Amino acid sequence: MNVEGRSEQDLGDTRQPRELSESQQPSEREEEARKIRRLQVMISMVMSVIGQDPNLTIEEASELAAGAKRAALAMFPDKELAFDILYKPRLQRLMNERFRLQ
């Protein structure tokens, strides 16, 4: 959406002058894409371990899930709601299936 010739991205970033922001955007986008991919791989690995390790206890699985959340919040501070919406239900569903909870 354009407002007076400015995009939403311009409106959201008032911390830096426009010239500096434009020169940093590609590297910032690449870094965020790397962090997102790292998070996806980490969650995938945690889910694989929880789903496939026959010796894993429910306590250990809970620790893995909690550690994944801590790592995600370290990479993306203030995104706890996003984690709770995207990944928490998946982890809970897997734990319920794996350990026959509820």
Protein backbone atom coordinates (compact mmCIF):
# COMPACT_ATOMS: atom_id res chain seq x y z
CA MET A 1 0.00 0.00 0.00
CA ASN A 2 1.40 3.39 -0.94
CA VAL A 3 0.71 6.45 1.15
CA GLU A 4 1.97 9.68 -0.36
CA GLY A 5 4.52 7.82 -2.47
CA ARG A 6 5.96 5.81 0.41
CA SER A 7 5.65 2.06 0.76
CA GLU A 8 4.77 0.23 3.99
CA GLN A 9 8.41 -0.69 4.34
CA ASP A 10 9.43 2.97 4.26
CA LEU A 11 6.76 3.86 6.81
CA GLY A 12 7.86 1.11 9.19
CA ASP A 13 11.54 2.00 9.17
CA THR A 14 11.93 5.46 10.66
CA ARG A 15 15.22 4.72 12.42
CA GLN A 16 17.56 5.21 9.46
CA PRO A 17 17.83 7.65 6.58
CA ARG A 18 16.43 6.27 3.34
CA GLU A 19 19.83 6.00 1.59
CA LEU A 20 21.42 3.95 4.38
CA SER A 21 18.35 1.75 4.74
CA GLU A 22 18.30 0.88 1.04
CA SER A 23 21.97 -0.12 1.06
CA GLN A 24 21.50 -2.41 4.06
CA GLN A 25 18.22 -4.02 3.07
CA PRO A 26 19.61 -6.88 0.95
CA SER A 27 22.06 -8.00 3.62
CA GLU A 28 19.45 -7.66 6.36
CA ARG A 29 16.99 -9.67 4.28
CA GLU A 30 19.61 -12.34 3.64
CA GLU A 31 20.46 -12.54 7.35
CA GLU A 32 16.79 -12.84 8.30
CA ALA A 33 16.29 -15.52 5.64
CA ARG A 34 19.26 -17.45 7.07
CA LYS A 35 17.86 -17.20 10.58
CA ILE A 36 14.42 -18.33 9.41
CA ARG A 37 15.92 -21.31 7.58
CA ARG A 38 18.03 -22.19 10.63
CA LEU A 39 14.89 -22.11 12.79
CA GLN A 40 12.99 -24.32 10.34
CA VAL A 41 15.81 -26.87 10.29
CA MET A 42 16.09 -26.83 14.07
CA ILE A 43 12.34 -27.40 14.55
CA SER A 44 12.43 -30.17 11.96
CA MET A 45 15.29 -31.89 13.80
CA VAL A 46 13.55 -31.56 17.17
CA MET A 47 10.35 -33.01 15.74
CA SER A 48 12.29 -35.88 14.13
CA VAL A 49 13.98 -36.75 17.42
CA ILE A 50 10.73 -36.58 19.37
CA GLY A 51 8.91 -38.68 16.81
CA GLN A 52 11.59 -41.28 16.15
CA ASP A 53 13.77 -41.84 19.22
CA PRO A 54 12.30 -44.90 20.97
CA ASN A 55 14.26 -44.26 24.20
CA LEU A 56 13.16 -40.63 24.59
CA THR A 57 11.15 -39.91 27.72
CA ILE A 58 8.37 -37.36 27.88
CA GLU A 59 10.54 -35.20 30.13
CA GLU A 60 13.37 -35.22 27.60
CA ALA A 61 10.95 -34.42 24.79
CA SER A 62 9.58 -31.51 26.81
CA GLU A 63 13.12 -30.25 27.38
CA LEU A 64 13.81 -30.45 23.64
CA ALA A 65 10.67 -28.44 22.87
CA ALA A 66 11.50 -25.85 25.54
CA GLY A 67 15.07 -25.58 24.25
CA ALA A 68 13.78 -25.06 20.71
CA LYS A 69 11.57 -22.23 21.96
CA ARG A 70 14.48 -20.62 23.82
CA ALA A 71 16.66 -20.84 20.72
CA ALA A 72 13.90 -19.39 18.54
CA LEU A 73 13.41 -16.48 20.91
CA ALA A 74 17.17 -15.88 20.99
CA MET A 75 17.15 -15.60 17.19
CA PHE A 76 13.88 -13.62 17.07
CA PRO A 77 13.33 -11.65 20.28
CA ASP A 78 9.76 -10.48 20.88
CA LYS A 79 8.35 -13.15 18.53
CA GLU A 80 6.98 -15.48 21.18
CA LEU A 81 3.44 -15.13 19.86
CA ALA A 82 4.61 -16.17 16.38
CA PHE A 83 6.34 -19.23 17.85
CA ASP A 84 3.24 -20.10 19.86
CA ILE A 85 1.08 -19.86 16.74
CA LEU A 86 3.40 -21.64 14.29
CA TYR A 87 5.40 -24.23 16.17
CA LYS A 88 3.85 -24.87 19.57
CA PRO A 89 0.75 -26.64 18.16
CA ARG A 90 2.95 -28.88 15.98
CA LEU A 91 5.14 -29.83 18.92
CA GLN A 92 2.13 -30.42 21.17
CA ARG A 93 0.39 -32.57 18.56
CA LEU A 94 3.53 -34.65 18.08
CA MET A 95 3.98 -35.08 21.84
CA ASN A 96 0.32 -36.13 22.18
CA GLU A 97 0.69 -38.71 19.41
CA ARG A 98 4.08 -39.98 20.55
CA PHE A 99 3.28 -40.33 24.25
CA ARG A 100 -0.47 -40.96 23.96
CA LEU A 101 -1.36 -37.90 26.05
CA GLN A 102 -4.89 -36.63 26.75
